[in-house]
Amino acid sequence: FAGEYGIKPKEILAGSGIEIGELTDPHRI
C-alpha cells in the first residue's frame, strides 16, 4: 500500500527487524 504513495519498503520497515525479502515468505512469523 505504501508503494502506491511512492514510499519505499526500506523506509516502512526501518527499525522493525524485518527484511524486504521476508515479505514474500508465507511462513514468516
PDB file of all heavy atoms in Angstrom:
ATOM      1  N   PHE A   1       0.828  -1.202   0.000  1.00  0.00           N
ATOM      2  CA  PHE A   1       0.000   0.000   0.000  1.00  0.00           C
ATOM      3  C   PHE A   1       0.863   1.253   0.000  1.00  0.00           C
ATOM      4  O   PHE A   1       0.582   2.222  -0.710  1.00  0.00           O
ATOM      5  CB  PHE A   1      -0.909  -0.016   1.237  1.00  0.00           C
ATOM      6  CG  PHE A   1      -1.921   1.091   1.267  1.00  0.00           C
ATOM      7  CD1 PHE A   1      -2.898   1.189   0.295  1.00  0.00           C
ATOM      8  CD2 PHE A   1      -1.904   2.029   2.286  1.00  0.00           C
ATOM      9  CE1 PHE A   1      -3.835   2.203   0.326  1.00  0.00           C
ATOM     10  CE2 PHE A   1      -2.836   3.049   2.324  1.00  0.00           C
ATOM     11  CZ  PHE A   1      -3.809   3.138   1.345  1.00  0.00           C
ATOM     12  N   ALA A   2       1.940   1.245   0.791  1.00  0.00           N
ATOM     13  CA  ALA A   2       2.841   2.394   0.848  1.00  0.00           C
ATOM     14  C   ALA A   2       3.450   2.670  -0.517  1.00  0.00           C
ATOM     15  O   ALA A   2       3.674   3.829  -0.899  1.00  0.00           O
ATOM     16  CB  ALA A   2       3.940   2.147   1.880  1.00  0.00           C
ATOM     17  N   GLY A   3       3.719   1.590  -1.269  1.00  0.00           N
ATOM     18  CA  GLY A   3       4.305   1.743  -2.596  1.00  0.00           C
ATOM     19  C   GLY A   3       3.431   2.558  -3.530  1.00  0.00           C
ATOM     20  O   GLY A   3       3.925   3.244  -4.437  1.00  0.00           O
ATOM     21  N   GLU A   4       2.113   2.529  -3.322  1.00  0.00           N
ATOM     22  CA  GLU A   4       1.193   3.312  -4.156  1.00  0.00           C
ATOM     23  C   GLU A   4       1.374   4.808  -3.934  1.00  0.00           C
ATOM     24  O   GLU A   4       0.958   5.617  -4.756  1.00  0.00           O
ATOM     25  CB  GLU A   4      -0.255   2.916  -3.858  1.00  0.00           C
ATOM     26  CG  GLU A   4      -0.581   1.461  -4.204  1.00  0.00           C
ATOM     27  CD  GLU A   4      -2.026   1.096  -3.891  1.00  0.00           C
ATOM     28  OE1 GLU A   4      -2.819   2.019  -3.577  1.00  0.00           O
ATOM     29  OE2 GLU A   4      -2.368  -0.100  -3.974  1.00  0.00           O
ATOM     30  N   TYR A   5       1.981   5.163  -2.803  1.00  0.00           N
ATOM     31  CA  TYR A   5       2.223   6.577  -2.489  1.00  0.00           C
ATOM     32  C   TYR A   5       3.698   6.938  -2.646  1.00  0.00           C
ATOM     33  O   TYR A   5       4.157   7.980  -2.168  1.00  0.00           O
ATOM     34  CB  TYR A   5       1.742   6.884  -1.073  1.00  0.00           C
ATOM     35  CG  TYR A   5       0.238   6.871  -0.952  1.00  0.00           C
ATOM     36  CD1 TYR A   5      -0.451   5.670  -0.734  1.00  0.00           C
ATOM     37  CD2 TYR A   5      -0.517   8.037  -1.102  1.00  0.00           C
ATOM     38  CE1 TYR A   5      -1.834   5.648  -0.639  1.00  0.00           C
ATOM     39  CE2 TYR A   5      -1.895   8.020  -1.011  1.00  0.00           C
ATOM     40  CZ  TYR A   5      -2.554   6.821  -0.784  1.00  0.00           C
ATOM     41  OH  TYR A   5      -3.927   6.797  -0.700  1.00  0.00           O
ATOM     42  N   GLY A   6       4.441   6.043  -3.277  1.00  0.00           N
ATOM     43  CA  GLY A   6       5.842   6.325  -3.541  1.00  0.00           C
ATOM     44  C   GLY A   6       6.752   6.145  -2.345  1.00  0.00           C
ATOM     45  O   GLY A   6       7.893   6.611  -2.344  1.00  0.00           O
ATOM     46  N   ILE A   7       6.264   5.470  -1.299  1.00  0.00           N
ATOM     47  CA  ILE A   7       7.076   5.242  -0.102  1.00  0.00           C
ATOM     48  C   ILE A   7       7.805   3.914  -0.268  1.00  0.00           C
ATOM     49  O   ILE A   7       7.181   2.878  -0.513  1.00  0.00           O
ATOM     50  CB  ILE A   7       6.195   5.210   1.165  1.00  0.00           C
ATOM     51  CG1 ILE A   7       5.379   6.504   1.268  1.00  0.00           C
ATOM     52  CG2 ILE A   7       7.054   5.023   2.403  1.00  0.00           C
ATOM     53  CD1 ILE A   7       4.315   6.457   2.350  1.00  0.00           C
ATOM     54  N   LYS A   8       9.110   3.927  -0.128  1.00  0.00           N
ATOM     55  CA  LYS A   8       9.917   2.736  -0.361  1.00  0.00           C
ATOM     56  C   LYS A   8       9.814   1.734   0.801  1.00  0.00           C
ATOM     57  O   LYS A   8       9.680   2.139   1.958  1.00  0.00           O
ATOM     58  CB  LYS A   8      11.379   3.137  -0.566  1.00  0.00           C
ATOM     59  CG  LYS A   8      11.599   4.003  -1.805  1.00  0.00           C
ATOM     60  CD  LYS A   8      13.046   4.407  -1.947  1.00  0.00           C
ATOM     61  CE  LYS A   8      13.250   5.274  -3.185  1.00  0.00           C
ATOM     62  NZ  LYS A   8      14.658   5.710  -3.342  1.00  0.00           N
ATOM     63  N   PRO A   9       9.867   0.440   0.500  1.00  0.00           N
ATOM     64  CA  PRO A   9       9.797  -0.593   1.550  1.00  0.00           C
ATOM     65  C   PRO A   9      10.810  -0.388   2.667  1.00  0.00           C
ATOM     66  O   PRO A   9      10.506  -0.589   3.839  1.00  0.00           O
ATOM     67  CB  PRO A   9      10.071  -1.886   0.773  1.00  0.00           C
ATOM     68  CG  PRO A   9       9.610  -1.599  -0.608  1.00  0.00           C
ATOM     69  CD  PRO A   9       9.930  -0.153  -0.851  1.00  0.00           C
ATOM     70  N   LYS A  10      12.024   0.032   2.299  1.00  0.00           N
ATOM     71  CA  LYS A  10      13.078   0.212   3.298  1.00  0.00           C
ATOM     72  C   LYS A  10      12.681   1.271   4.325  1.00  0.00           C
ATOM     73  O   LYS A  10      13.018   1.165   5.511  1.00  0.00           O
ATOM     74  CB  LYS A  10      14.378   0.605   2.607  1.00  0.00           C
ATOM     75  CG  LYS A  10      15.598   0.590   3.523  1.00  0.00           C
ATOM     76  CD  LYS A  10      16.877   0.872   2.742  1.00  0.00           C
ATOM     77  CE  LYS A  10      17.209  -0.266   1.798  1.00  0.00           C
ATOM     78  NZ  LYS A  10      18.541  -0.080   1.153  1.00  0.00           N
ATOM     79  N   GLU A  11      11.949   2.308   3.883  1.00  0.00           N
ATOM     80  CA  GLU A  11      11.513   3.360   4.793  1.00  0.00           C
ATOM     81  C   GLU A  11      10.468   2.843   5.770  1.00  0.00           C
ATOM     82  O   GLU A  11      10.476   3.181   6.959  1.00  0.00           O
ATOM     83  CB  GLU A  11      10.931   4.536   4.000  1.00  0.00           C
ATOM     84  CG  GLU A  11      11.920   5.265   3.115  1.00  0.00           C
ATOM     85  CD  GLU A  11      11.243   6.363   2.326  1.00  0.00           C
ATOM     86  OE1 GLU A  11      10.688   6.091   1.241  1.00  0.00           O
ATOM     87  OE2 GLU A  11      11.234   7.517   2.813  1.00  0.00           O
ATOM     88  N   ILE A  12       9.549   2.025   5.278  1.00  0.00           N
ATOM     89  CA  ILE A  12       8.464   1.493   6.112  1.00  0.00           C
ATOM     90  C   ILE A  12       9.006   0.502   7.134  1.00  0.00           C
ATOM     91  O   ILE A  12       8.574   0.463   8.285  1.00  0.00           O
ATOM     92  CB  ILE A  12       7.398   0.797   5.236  1.00  0.00           C
ATOM     93  CG1 ILE A  12       6.697   1.835   4.346  1.00  0.00           C
ATOM     94  CG2 ILE A  12       6.368   0.064   6.081  1.00  0.00           C
ATOM     95  CD1 ILE A  12       5.868   2.830   5.103  1.00  0.00           C
ATOM     96  N   LEU A  13       9.964  -0.308   6.723  1.00  0.00           N
ATOM     97  CA  LEU A  13      10.478  -1.383   7.587  1.00  0.00           C
ATOM     98  C   LEU A  13      11.598  -0.932   8.519  1.00  0.00           C
ATOM     99  O   LEU A  13      12.031  -1.713   9.367  1.00  0.00           O
ATOM    100  CB  LEU A  13      10.986  -2.541   6.710  1.00  0.00           C
ATOM    101  CG  LEU A  13       9.932  -3.230   5.825  1.00  0.00           C
ATOM    102  CD1 LEU A  13      10.604  -4.277   4.947  1.00  0.00           C
ATOM    103  CD2 LEU A  13       8.830  -3.853   6.669  1.00  0.00           C
ATOM    104  N   ALA A  14      12.061   0.302   8.374  1.00  0.00           N
ATOM    105  CA  ALA A  14      13.195   0.788   9.161  1.00  0.00           C
ATOM    106  C   ALA A  14      12.989   0.557  10.657  1.00  0.00           C
ATOM    107  O   ALA A  14      11.966   0.939  11.225  1.00  0.00           O
ATOM    108  CB  ALA A  14      13.409   2.282   8.894  1.00  0.00           C
ATOM    109  N   GLY A  15      13.963  -0.096  11.283  1.00  0.00           N
ATOM    110  CA  GLY A  15      13.931  -0.307  12.723  1.00  0.00           C
ATOM    111  C   GLY A  15      13.071  -1.460  13.202  1.00  0.00           C
ATOM    112  O   GLY A  15      13.043  -1.762  14.391  1.00  0.00           O
ATOM    113  N   SER A  16      12.359  -2.128  12.288  1.00  0.00           N
ATOM    114  CA  SER A  16      11.430  -3.188  12.695  1.00  0.00           C
ATOM    115  C   SER A  16      12.093  -4.558  12.831  1.00  0.00           C
ATOM    116  O   SER A  16      11.530  -5.470  13.442  1.00  0.00           O
ATOM    117  CB  SER A  16      10.288  -3.299  11.675  1.00  0.00           C
ATOM    118  OG  SER A  16      10.771  -3.798  10.431  1.00  0.00           O
ATOM    119  N   GLY A  17      13.283  -4.719  12.223  1.00  0.00           N
ATOM    120  CA  GLY A  17      13.935  -6.026  12.234  1.00  0.00           C
ATOM    121  C   GLY A  17      13.402  -6.959  11.162  1.00  0.00           C
ATOM    122  O   GLY A  17      13.729  -8.145  11.137  1.00  0.00           O
ATOM    123  N   ILE A  18      12.564  -6.440  10.254  1.00  0.00           N
ATOM    124  CA  ILE A  18      12.005  -7.232   9.157  1.00  0.00           C
ATOM    125  C   ILE A  18      12.721  -6.864   7.864  1.00  0.00           C
ATOM    126  O   ILE A  18      12.849  -5.675   7.533  1.00  0.00           O
ATOM    127  CB  ILE A  18      10.492  -6.983   9.000  1.00  0.00           C
ATOM    128  CG1 ILE A  18       9.758  -7.313  10.294  1.00  0.00           C
ATOM    129  CG2 ILE A  18       9.910  -7.800   7.844  1.00  0.00           C
ATOM    130  CD1 ILE A  18       8.289  -6.901  10.300  1.00  0.00           C
ATOM    131  N   GLU A  19      13.216  -7.865   7.146  1.00  0.00           N
ATOM    132  CA  GLU A  19      13.910  -7.626   5.887  1.00  0.00           C
ATOM    133  C   GLU A  19      12.917  -7.643   4.721  1.00  0.00           C
ATOM    134  O   GLU A  19      11.896  -8.336   4.764  1.00  0.00           O
ATOM    135  CB  GLU A  19      14.978  -8.702   5.657  1.00  0.00           C
ATOM    136  CG  GLU A  19      16.041  -8.766   6.745  1.00  0.00           C
ATOM    137  CD  GLU A  19      16.878  -7.487   6.816  1.00  0.00           C
ATOM    138  OE1 GLU A  19      17.050  -6.834   5.764  1.00  0.00           O
ATOM    139  OE2 GLU A  19      17.364  -7.159   7.910  1.00  0.00           O
ATOM    140  N   ILE A  20      13.249  -6.906   3.666  1.00  0.00           N
ATOM    141  CA  ILE A  20      12.368  -6.812   2.500  1.00  0.00           C
ATOM    142  C   ILE A  20      12.090  -8.185   1.904  1.00  0.00           C
ATOM    143  O   ILE A  20      10.951  -8.516   1.550  1.00  0.00           O
ATOM    144  CB  ILE A  20      12.973  -5.873   1.431  1.00  0.00           C
ATOM    145  CG1 ILE A  20      13.082  -4.444   1.986  1.00  0.00           C
ATOM    146  CG2 ILE A  20      12.134  -5.889   0.156  1.00  0.00           C
ATOM    147  CD1 ILE A  20      13.808  -3.482   1.067  1.00  0.00           C
ATOM    148  N   GLY A  21      13.115  -9.022   1.801  1.00  0.00           N
ATOM    149  CA  GLY A  21      12.954 -10.341   1.199  1.00  0.00           C
ATOM    150  C   GLY A  21      12.004 -11.248   1.974  1.00  0.00           C
ATOM    151  O   GLY A  21      11.446 -12.201   1.416  1.00  0.00           O
ATOM    152  N   GLU A  22      11.794 -10.967   3.264  1.00  0.00           N
ATOM    153  CA  GLU A  22      10.923 -11.810   4.092  1.00  0.00           C
ATOM    154  C   GLU A  22       9.447 -11.585   3.800  1.00  0.00           C
ATOM    155  O   GLU A  22       8.602 -12.389   4.205  1.00  0.00           O
ATOM    156  CB  GLU A  22      11.210 -11.550   5.572  1.00  0.00           C
ATOM    157  CG  GLU A  22      12.605 -11.981   5.997  1.00  0.00           C
ATOM    158  CD  GLU A  22      12.925 -11.600   7.429  1.00  0.00           C
ATOM    159  OE1 GLU A  22      12.539 -10.482   7.845  1.00  0.00           O
ATOM    160  OE2 GLU A  22      13.555 -12.405   8.129  1.00  0.00           O
ATOM    161  N   LEU A  23       9.121 -10.503   3.096  1.00  0.00           N
ATOM    162  CA  LEU A  23       7.721 -10.189   2.809  1.00  0.00           C
ATOM    163  C   LEU A  23       7.073 -11.218   1.892  1.00  0.00           C
ATOM    164  O   LEU A  23       5.843 -11.315   1.832  1.00  0.00           O
ATOM    165  CB  LEU A  23       7.611  -8.794   2.181  1.00  0.00           C
ATOM    166  CG  LEU A  23       8.085  -7.627   3.056  1.00  0.00           C
ATOM    167  CD1 LEU A  23       8.023  -6.332   2.277  1.00  0.00           C
ATOM    168  CD2 LEU A  23       7.234  -7.523   4.314  1.00  0.00           C
ATOM    169  N   THR A  24       7.869 -11.971   1.171  1.00  0.00           N
ATOM    170  CA  THR A  24       7.325 -12.978   0.252  1.00  0.00           C
ATOM    171  C   THR A  24       7.341 -14.383   0.857  1.00  0.00           C
ATOM    172  O   THR A  24       7.010 -15.350   0.179  1.00  0.00           O
ATOM    173  CB  THR A  24       8.127 -12.985  -1.065  1.00  0.00           C
ATOM    174  OG1 THR A  24       9.513 -13.225  -0.774  1.00  0.00           O
ATOM    175  CG2 THR A  24       7.986 -11.650  -1.790  1.00  0.00           C
ATOM    176  N   ASP A  25       7.714 -14.475   2.126  1.00  0.00           N
ATOM    177  CA  ASP A  25       7.770 -15.771   2.796  1.00  0.00           C
ATOM    178  C   ASP A  25       6.475 -16.002   3.579  1.00  0.00           C
ATOM    179  O   ASP A  25       6.250 -15.377   4.620  1.00  0.00           O
ATOM    180  CB  ASP A  25       8.957 -15.817   3.759  1.00  0.00           C
ATOM    181  CG  ASP A  25       9.084 -17.143   4.497  1.00  0.00           C
ATOM    182  OD1 ASP A  25       8.253 -18.044   4.244  1.00  0.00           O
ATOM    183  OD2 ASP A  25       9.995 -17.273   5.327  1.00  0.00           O
ATOM    184  N   PRO A  26       5.584 -16.876   3.096  1.00  0.00           N
ATOM    185  CA  PRO A  26       4.288 -17.080   3.758  1.00  0.00           C
ATOM    186  C   PRO A  26       4.403 -17.702   5.150  1.00  0.00           C
ATOM    187  O   PRO A  26       3.444 -17.675   5.919  1.00  0.00           O
ATOM    188  CB  PRO A  26       3.548 -18.022   2.800  1.00  0.00           C
ATOM    189  CG  PRO A  26       4.637 -18.747   2.071  1.00  0.00           C
ATOM    190  CD  PRO A  26       5.749 -17.750   1.928  1.00  0.00           C
ATOM    191  N   HIS A  27       5.559 -18.253   5.476  1.00  0.00           N
ATOM    192  CA  HIS A  27       5.744 -18.899   6.778  1.00  0.00           C
ATOM    193  C   HIS A  27       6.423 -17.980   7.799  1.00  0.00           C
ATOM    194  O   HIS A  27       6.614 -18.372   8.946  1.00  0.00           O
ATOM    195  CB  HIS A  27       6.585 -20.168   6.617  1.00  0.00           C
ATOM    196  CG  HIS A  27       6.002 -21.163   5.658  1.00  0.00           C
ATOM    197  ND1 HIS A  27       4.820 -21.816   5.904  1.00  0.00           N
ATOM    198  CD2 HIS A  27       6.437 -21.591   4.435  1.00  0.00           C
ATOM    199  CE1 HIS A  27       4.541 -22.617   4.884  1.00  0.00           C
ATOM    200  NE2 HIS A  27       5.500 -22.494   3.991  1.00  0.00           N
ATOM    201  N   ARG A  28       6.780 -16.771   7.398  1.00  0.00           N
ATOM    202  CA  ARG A  28       7.482 -15.835   8.290  1.00  0.00           C
ATOM    203  C   ARG A  28       6.537 -15.356   9.382  1.00  0.00           C
ATOM    204  O   ARG A  28       5.426 -14.906   9.126  1.00  0.00           O
ATOM    205  CB  ARG A  28       8.005 -14.635   7.490  1.00  0.00           C
ATOM    206  CG  ARG A  28       8.657 -13.547   8.328  1.00  0.00           C
ATOM    207  CD  ARG A  28       9.988 -13.997   8.898  1.00  0.00           C
ATOM    208  NE  ARG A  28      10.787 -12.873   9.344  1.00  0.00           N
ATOM    209  CZ  ARG A  28      10.834 -12.426  10.602  1.00  0.00           C
ATOM    210  NH1 ARG A  28      10.157 -13.042  11.546  1.00  0.00           N
ATOM    211  NH2 ARG A  28      11.588 -11.383  10.912  1.00  0.00           N
ATOM    212  N   ILE A  29       6.981 -15.489  10.614  1.00  0.00           N
ATOM    213  CA  ILE A  29       6.213 -15.036  11.763  1.00  0.00           C
ATOM    214  C   ILE A  29       6.950 -13.875  12.413  1.00  0.00           C
ATOM    215  O   ILE A  29       8.177 -13.906  12.554  1.00  0.00           O
ATOM    216  CB  ILE A  29       6.016 -16.187  12.771  1.00  0.00           C
ATOM    217  CG1 ILE A  29       5.029 -17.210  12.202  1.00  0.00           C
ATOM    218  CG2 ILE A  29       5.510 -15.676  14.109  1.00  0.00           C
ATOM    219  CD1 ILE A  29       4.835 -18.417  13.089  1.00  0.00           C
TER     220      ILE A  29
END
